[in-house]
Amino acid sequence: MNRQAHRYARNGALAALGLYTIVILVITALGAGYDAAHRVPVDNVDRTGLFQRFNQAVPVALQGLQDALTPHS
């Protein structure tokens, strides 16, 4: 093998090793995230009250934004 063939072989091996490392890290992160998601305790948030407050706040915020964007004379 000449010098250029050795360089191609080395670069190919390093690229394969880097790709393998990235794949393993992604799989590990996904596995850890899946495991952590299953260990989350159930929350006791009152969702209906939260959505009612959100539904009251959005029109007020939009009206304030509209008032701020209208030209004043």
PDB file of N, CA and C in Angstrom:
ATOM      1  N   MET A   1       0.837  -1.181   0.000  1.00  0.00           N
ATOM      2  CA  MET A   1       0.000   0.000   0.000  1.00  0.00           C
ATOM      3  C   MET A   1       0.880   1.242   0.000  1.00  0.00           C
ATOM      4  N   ASN A   2       0.464   2.196  -0.774  1.00  0.00           N
ATOM      5  CA  ASN A   2       1.220   3.432  -0.777  1.00  0.00           C
ATOM      6  C   ASN A   2       0.723   4.364   0.328  1.00  0.00           C
ATOM      7  N   ARG A   3       1.335   5.499   0.385  1.00  0.00           N
ATOM      8  CA  ARG A   3       1.060   6.430   1.479  1.00  0.00           C
ATOM      9  C   ARG A   3      -0.369   6.962   1.452  1.00  0.00           C
ATOM     10  N   GLN A   4      -0.882   7.224   0.246  1.00  0.00           N
ATOM     11  CA  GLN A   4      -2.229   7.753   0.123  1.00  0.00           C
ATOM     12  C   GLN A   4      -3.272   6.698   0.526  1.00  0.00           C
ATOM     13  N   ALA A   5      -3.037   5.457   0.217  1.00  0.00           N
ATOM     14  CA  ALA A   5      -3.957   4.391   0.606  1.00  0.00           C
ATOM     15  C   ALA A   5      -4.000   4.242   2.123  1.00  0.00           C
ATOM     16  N   HIS A   6      -2.851   4.377   2.765  1.00  0.00           N
ATOM     17  CA  HIS A   6      -2.816   4.325   4.238  1.00  0.00           C
ATOM     18  C   HIS A   6      -3.621   5.474   4.843  1.00  0.00           C
ATOM     19  N   ARG A   7      -3.494   6.641   4.247  1.00  0.00           N
ATOM     20  CA  ARG A   7      -4.230   7.804   4.744  1.00  0.00           C
ATOM     21  C   ARG A   7      -5.739   7.598   4.582  1.00  0.00           C
ATOM     22  N   TYR A   8      -6.163   7.081   3.438  1.00  0.00           N
ATOM     23  CA  TYR A   8      -7.589   6.806   3.231  1.00  0.00           C
ATOM     24  C   TYR A   8      -8.105   5.762   4.215  1.00  0.00           C
ATOM     25  N   ALA A   9      -7.314   4.734   4.453  1.00  0.00           N
ATOM     26  CA  ALA A   9      -7.722   3.688   5.390  1.00  0.00           C
ATOM     27  C   ALA A   9      -7.827   4.242   6.811  1.00  0.00           C
ATOM     28  N   ARG A  10      -6.861   5.061   7.207  1.00  0.00           N
ATOM     29  CA  ARG A  10      -6.880   5.660   8.537  1.00  0.00           C
ATOM     30  C   ARG A  10      -8.075   6.597   8.694  1.00  0.00           C
ATOM     31  N   ASN A  11      -8.305   7.446   7.690  1.00  0.00           N
ATOM     32  CA  ASN A  11      -9.431   8.380   7.769  1.00  0.00           C
ATOM     33  C   ASN A  11     -10.763   7.639   7.778  1.00  0.00           C
ATOM     34  N   GLY A  12     -10.873   6.582   7.023  1.00  0.00           N
ATOM     35  CA  GLY A  12     -12.096   5.786   7.022  1.00  0.00           C
ATOM     36  C   GLY A  12     -12.341   5.123   8.360  1.00  0.00           C
ATOM     37  N   ALA A  13     -11.277   4.610   8.976  1.00  0.00           N
ATOM     38  CA  ALA A  13     -11.418   3.977  10.293  1.00  0.00           C
ATOM     39  C   ALA A  13     -11.806   5.009  11.349  1.00  0.00           C
ATOM     40  N   LEU A  14     -11.215   6.177  11.293  1.00  0.00           N
ATOM     41  CA  LEU A  14     -11.556   7.226  12.257  1.00  0.00           C
ATOM     42  C   LEU A  14     -12.986   7.707  12.057  1.00  0.00           C
ATOM     43  N   ALA A  15     -13.421   7.818  10.812  1.00  0.00           N
ATOM     44  CA  ALA A  15     -14.801   8.238  10.540  1.00  0.00           C
ATOM     45  C   ALA A  15     -15.777   7.186  11.047  1.00  0.00           C
ATOM     46  N   ALA A  16     -15.481   5.913  10.834  1.00  0.00           N
ATOM     47  CA  ALA A  16     -16.356   4.848  11.319  1.00  0.00           C
ATOM     48  C   ALA A  16     -16.416   4.843  12.838  1.00  0.00           C
ATOM     49  N   LEU A  17     -15.272   5.043  13.473  1.00  0.00           N
ATOM     50  CA  LEU A  17     -15.237   5.091  14.933  1.00  0.00           C
ATOM     51  C   LEU A  17     -16.033   6.286  15.460  1.00  0.00           C
ATOM     52  N   GLY A  18     -15.909   7.441  14.821  1.00  0.00           N
ATOM     53  CA  GLY A  18     -16.669   8.615  15.236  1.00  0.00           C
ATOM     54  C   GLY A  18     -18.161   8.420  15.046  1.00  0.00           C
ATOM     55  N   LEU A  19     -18.561   7.836  13.923  1.00  0.00           N
ATOM     56  CA  LEU A  19     -19.975   7.571  13.674  1.00  0.00           C
ATOM     57  C   LEU A  19     -20.526   6.585  14.692  1.00  0.00           C
ATOM     58  N   TYR A  20     -19.772   5.544  14.991  1.00  0.00           N
ATOM     59  CA  TYR A  20     -20.186   4.554  15.988  1.00  0.00           C
ATOM     60  C   TYR A  20     -20.352   5.223  17.352  1.00  0.00           C
ATOM     61  N   THR A  21     -19.445   6.110  17.718  1.00  0.00           N
ATOM     62  CA  THR A  21     -19.525   6.809  19.005  1.00  0.00           C
ATOM     63  C   THR A  21     -20.768   7.689  19.069  1.00  0.00           C
ATOM     64  N   ILE A  22     -21.062   8.400  17.997  1.00  0.00           N
ATOM     65  CA  ILE A  22     -22.248   9.262  17.973  1.00  0.00           C
ATOM     66  C   ILE A  22     -23.514   8.432  18.098  1.00  0.00           C
ATOM     67  N   VAL A  23     -23.593   7.325  17.389  1.00  0.00           N
ATOM     68  CA  VAL A  23     -24.777   6.470  17.462  1.00  0.00           C
ATOM     69  C   VAL A  23     -24.967   5.927  18.870  1.00  0.00           C
ATOM     70  N   ILE A  24     -23.898   5.477  19.502  1.00  0.00           N
ATOM     71  CA  ILE A  24     -23.983   4.949  20.868  1.00  0.00           C
ATOM     72  C   ILE A  24     -24.414   6.042  21.838  1.00  0.00           C
ATOM     73  N   LEU A  25     -23.892   7.257  21.699  1.00  0.00           N
ATOM     74  CA  LEU A  25     -24.284   8.356  22.584  1.00  0.00           C
ATOM     75  C   LEU A  25     -25.756   8.720  22.407  1.00  0.00           C
ATOM     76  N   VAL A  26     -26.247   8.730  21.184  1.00  0.00           N
ATOM     77  CA  VAL A  26     -27.659   9.040  20.941  1.00  0.00           C
ATOM     78  C   VAL A  26     -28.550   7.968  21.545  1.00  0.00           C
ATOM     79  N   ILE A  27     -28.202   6.711  21.355  1.00  0.00           N
ATOM     80  CA  ILE A  27     -28.997   5.614  21.922  1.00  0.00           C
ATOM     81  C   ILE A  27     -28.983   5.675  23.441  1.00  0.00           C
ATOM     82  N   THR A  28     -27.846   5.966  24.037  1.00  0.00           N
ATOM     83  CA  THR A  28     -27.752   6.083  25.494  1.00  0.00           C
ATOM     84  C   THR A  28     -28.601   7.241  26.006  1.00  0.00           C
ATOM     85  N   ALA A  29     -28.550   8.388  25.319  1.00  0.00           N
ATOM     86  CA  ALA A  29     -29.344   9.544  25.749  1.00  0.00           C
ATOM     87  C   ALA A  29     -30.834   9.255  25.627  1.00  0.00           C
ATOM     88  N   LEU A  30     -31.249   8.616  24.550  1.00  0.00           N
ATOM     89  CA  LEU A  30     -32.664   8.283  24.390  1.00  0.00           C
ATOM     90  C   LEU A  30     -33.118   7.289  25.453  1.00  0.00           C
ATOM     91  N   GLY A  31     -32.274   6.321  25.755  1.00  0.00           N
ATOM     92  CA  GLY A  31     -32.614   5.348  26.792  1.00  0.00           C
ATOM     93  C   GLY A  31     -32.718   5.992  28.164  1.00  0.00           C
ATOM     94  N   ALA A  32     -31.804   6.892  28.475  1.00  0.00           N
ATOM     95  CA  ALA A  32     -31.847   7.579  29.771  1.00  0.00           C
ATOM     96  C   ALA A  32     -33.067   8.484  29.862  1.00  0.00           C
ATOM     97  N   GLY A  33     -33.401   9.171  28.776  1.00  0.00           N
ATOM     98  CA  GLY A  33     -34.590  10.027  28.776  1.00  0.00           C
ATOM     99  C   GLY A  33     -35.864   9.220  28.924  1.00  0.00           C
ATOM    100  N   TYR A  34     -35.927   8.063  28.277  1.00  0.00           N
ATOM    101  CA  TYR A  34     -37.100   7.198  28.384  1.00  0.00           C
ATOM    102  C   TYR A  34     -37.243   6.677  29.813  1.00  0.00           C
ATOM    103  N   ASP A  35     -36.134   6.305  30.413  1.00  0.00           N
ATOM    104  CA  ASP A  35     -36.164   5.805  31.789  1.00  0.00           C
ATOM    105  C   ASP A  35     -36.562   6.909  32.765  1.00  0.00           C
ATOM    106  N   ALA A  36     -36.033   8.122  32.558  1.00  0.00           N
ATOM    107  CA  ALA A  36     -36.366   9.241  33.449  1.00  0.00           C
ATOM    108  C   ALA A  36     -37.827   9.649  33.307  1.00  0.00           C
ATOM    109  N   ALA A  37     -38.377   9.514  32.106  1.00  0.00           N
ATOM    110  CA  ALA A  37     -39.772   9.899  31.888  1.00  0.00           C
ATOM    111  C   ALA A  37     -40.723   8.951  32.603  1.00  0.00           C
ATOM    112  N   HIS A  38     -40.326   7.714  32.749  1.00  0.00           N
ATOM    113  CA  HIS A  38     -41.192   6.747  33.425  1.00  0.00           C
ATOM    114  C   HIS A  38     -41.112   6.844  34.944  1.00  0.00           C
ATOM    115  N   ARG A  39     -40.122   7.541  35.455  1.00  0.00           N
ATOM    116  CA  ARG A  39     -39.966   7.675  36.903  1.00  0.00           C
ATOM    117  C   ARG A  39     -40.520   8.986  37.451  1.00  0.00           C
ATOM    118  N   VAL A  40     -41.129   9.789  36.603  1.00  0.00           N
ATOM    119  CA  VAL A  40     -41.671  11.087  37.033  1.00  0.00           C
ATOM    120  C   VAL A  40     -42.951  10.839  37.826  1.00  0.00           C
ATOM    121  N   PRO A  41     -43.056  11.428  39.021  1.00  0.00           N
ATOM    122  CA  PRO A  41     -44.285  11.238  39.795  1.00  0.00           C
ATOM    123  C   PRO A  41     -45.465  11.976  39.166  1.00  0.00           C
ATOM    124  N   VAL A  42     -46.637  11.510  39.453  1.00  0.00           N
ATOM    125  CA  VAL A  42     -47.851  12.136  38.925  1.00  0.00           C
ATOM    126  C   VAL A  42     -48.056  13.469  39.633  1.00  0.00           C
ATOM    127  N   ASP A  43     -48.301  14.510  38.862  1.00  0.00           N
ATOM    128  CA  ASP A  43     -48.517  15.834  39.461  1.00  0.00           C
ATOM    129  C   ASP A  43     -49.994  16.017  39.801  1.00  0.00           C
ATOM    130  N   ASN A  44     -50.240  16.896  40.737  1.00  0.00           N
ATOM    131  CA  ASN A  44     -51.602  17.179  41.188  1.00  0.00           C
ATOM    132  C   ASN A  44     -52.022  18.588  40.793  1.00  0.00           C
ATOM    133  N   VAL A  45     -51.690  18.993  39.575  1.00  0.00           N
ATOM    134  CA  VAL A  45     -52.020  20.329  39.099  1.00  0.00           C
ATOM    135  C   VAL A  45     -53.474  20.341  38.648  1.00  0.00           C
ATOM    136  N   ASP A  46     -54.198  21.378  39.063  1.00  0.00           N
ATOM    137  CA  ASP A  46     -55.578  21.546  38.637  1.00  0.00           C
ATOM    138  C   ASP A  46     -55.564  22.114  37.221  1.00  0.00           C
ATOM    139  N   ARG A  47     -55.696  21.250  36.241  1.00  0.00           N
ATOM    140  CA  ARG A  47     -55.580  21.682  34.853  1.00  0.00           C
ATOM    141  C   ARG A  47     -56.761  22.542  34.413  1.00  0.00           C
ATOM    142  N   THR A  48     -57.934  22.272  34.926  1.00  0.00           N
ATOM    143  CA  THR A  48     -59.080  23.075  34.507  1.00  0.00           C
ATOM    144  C   THR A  48     -58.914  24.513  34.976  1.00  0.00           C
ATOM    145  N   GLY A  49     -58.469  24.713  36.202  1.00  0.00           N
ATOM    146  CA  GLY A  49     -58.227  26.067  36.696  1.00  0.00           C
ATOM    147  C   GLY A  49     -57.121  26.751  35.933  1.00  0.00           C
ATOM    148  N   LEU A  50     -56.104  25.990  35.572  1.00  0.00           N
ATOM    149  CA  LEU A  50     -54.987  26.546  34.817  1.00  0.00           C
ATOM    150  C   LEU A  50     -55.456  26.999  33.437  1.00  0.00           C
ATOM    151  N   PHE A  51     -56.246  26.182  32.771  1.00  0.00           N
ATOM    152  CA  PHE A  51     -56.738  26.549  31.444  1.00  0.00           C
ATOM    153  C   PHE A  51     -57.723  27.699  31.513  1.00  0.00           C
ATOM    154  N   GLN A  52     -58.518  27.787  32.564  1.00  0.00           N
ATOM    155  CA  GLN A  52     -59.442  28.919  32.697  1.00  0.00           C
ATOM    156  C   GLN A  52     -58.663  30.215  32.856  1.00  0.00           C
ATOM    157  N   ARG A  53     -57.626  30.192  33.680  1.00  0.00           N
ATOM    158  CA  ARG A  53     -56.809  31.408  33.845  1.00  0.00           C
ATOM    159  C   ARG A  53     -56.100  31.763  32.552  1.00  0.00           C
ATOM    160  N   PHE A  54     -55.639  30.754  31.832  1.00  0.00           N
ATOM    161  CA  PHE A  54     -54.972  31.002  30.551  1.00  0.00           C
ATOM    162  C   PHE A  54     -55.954  31.599  29.550  1.00  0.00           C
ATOM    163  N   ASN A  55     -57.159  31.064  29.494  1.00  0.00           N
ATOM    164  CA  ASN A  55     -58.171  31.573  28.571  1.00  0.00           C
ATOM    165  C   ASN A  55     -58.619  32.985  28.934  1.00  0.00           C
ATOM    166  N   GLN A  56     -58.498  33.375  30.178  1.00  0.00           N
ATOM    167  CA  GLN A  56     -58.818  34.745  30.564  1.00  0.00           C
ATOM    168  C   GLN A  56     -57.661  35.688  30.257  1.00  0.00           C
ATOM    169  N   ALA A  57     -56.441  35.195  30.357  1.00  0.00           N
ATOM    170  CA  ALA A  57     -55.277  36.063  30.184  1.00  0.00           C
ATOM    171  C   ALA A  57     -54.971  36.351  28.722  1.00  0.00           C
ATOM    172  N   VAL A  58     -55.244  35.408  27.839  1.00  0.00           N
ATOM    173  CA  VAL A  58     -54.881  35.600  26.434  1.00  0.00           C
ATOM    174  C   VAL A  58     -55.624  36.772  25.796  1.00  0.00           C
ATOM    175  N   PRO A  59     -56.944  36.887  25.929  1.00  0.00           N
ATOM    176  CA  PRO A  59     -57.608  38.049  25.305  1.00  0.00           C
ATOM    177  C   PRO A  59     -57.122  39.383  25.866  1.00  0.00           C
ATOM    178  N   VAL A  60     -56.838  39.442  27.156  1.00  0.00           N
ATOM    179  CA  VAL A  60     -56.338  40.682  27.758  1.00  0.00           C
ATOM    180  C   VAL A  60     -54.968  41.021  27.181  1.00  0.00           C
ATOM    181  N   ALA A  61     -54.116  40.014  27.024  1.00  0.00           N
ATOM    182  CA  ALA A  61     -52.783  40.252  26.458  1.00  0.00           C
ATOM    183  C   ALA A  61     -52.886  40.691  25.004  1.00  0.00           C
ATOM    184  N   LEU A  62     -53.768  40.065  24.241  1.00  0.00           N
ATOM    185  CA  LEU A  62     -53.938  40.457  22.842  1.00  0.00           C
ATOM    186  C   LEU A  62     -54.497  41.865  22.712  1.00  0.00           C
ATOM    187  N   GLN A  63     -55.408  42.223  23.589  1.00  0.00           N
ATOM    188  CA  GLN A  63     -55.953  43.589  23.557  1.00  0.00           C
ATOM    189  C   GLN A  63     -54.863  44.600  23.904  1.00  0.00           C
ATOM    190  N   GLY A  64     -54.051  44.291  24.881  1.00  0.00           N
ATOM    191  CA  GLY A  64     -52.940  45.176  25.226  1.00  0.00           C
ATOM    192  C   GLY A  64     -51.952  45.320  24.089  1.00  0.00           C
ATOM    193  N   LEU A  65     -51.691  44.221  23.391  1.00  0.00           N
ATOM    194  CA  LEU A  65     -50.782  44.267  22.239  1.00  0.00           C
ATOM    195  C   LEU A  65     -51.392  45.100  21.110  1.00  0.00           C
ATOM    196  N   GLN A  66     -52.668  44.932  20.878  1.00  0.00           N
ATOM    197  CA  GLN A  66     -53.345  45.709  19.833  1.00  0.00           C
ATOM    198  C   GLN A  66     -53.335  47.195  20.189  1.00  0.00           C
ATOM    199  N   ASP A  67     -53.573  47.528  21.449  1.00  0.00           N
ATOM    200  CA  ASP A  67     -53.551  48.932  21.874  1.00  0.00           C
ATOM    201  C   ASP A  67     -52.156  49.521  21.716  1.00  0.00           C
ATOM    202  N   ALA A  68     -51.136  48.710  21.988  1.00  0.00           N
ATOM    203  CA  ALA A  68     -49.763  49.207  21.882  1.00  0.00           C
ATOM    204  C   ALA A  68     -49.359  49.416  20.434  1.00  0.00           C
ATOM    205  N   LEU A  69     -49.930  48.642  19.505  1.00  0.00           N
ATOM    206  CA  LEU A  69     -49.524  48.745  18.107  1.00  0.00           C
ATOM    207  C   LEU A  69     -50.344  49.745  17.309  1.00  0.00           C
ATOM    208  N   THR A  70     -51.455  50.223  17.830  1.00  0.00           N
ATOM    209  CA  THR A  70     -52.241  51.210  17.083  1.00  0.00           C
ATOM    210  C   THR A  70     -51.570  52.557  17.161  1.00  0.00           C
ATOM    211  N   PRO A  71     -51.576  53.274  16.054  1.00  0.00           N
ATOM    212  CA  PRO A  71     -50.929  54.604  16.071  1.00  0.00           C
ATOM    213  C   PRO A  71     -51.702  55.588  16.928  1.00  0.00           C
ATOM    214  N   HIS A  72     -50.970  56.384  17.663  1.00  0.00           N
ATOM    215  CA  HIS A  72     -51.584  57.414  18.529  1.00  0.00           C
ATOM    216  C   HIS A  72     -51.443  58.760  17.845  1.00  0.00           C
ATOM    217  N   SER A  73     -52.498  59.543  17.900  1.00  0.00           N
ATOM    218  CA  SER A  73     -52.416  60.859  17.258  1.00  0.00           C
ATOM    219  C   SER A  73     -52.319  61.974  18.270  1.00  0.00           C
TER     220      SER A  73
END
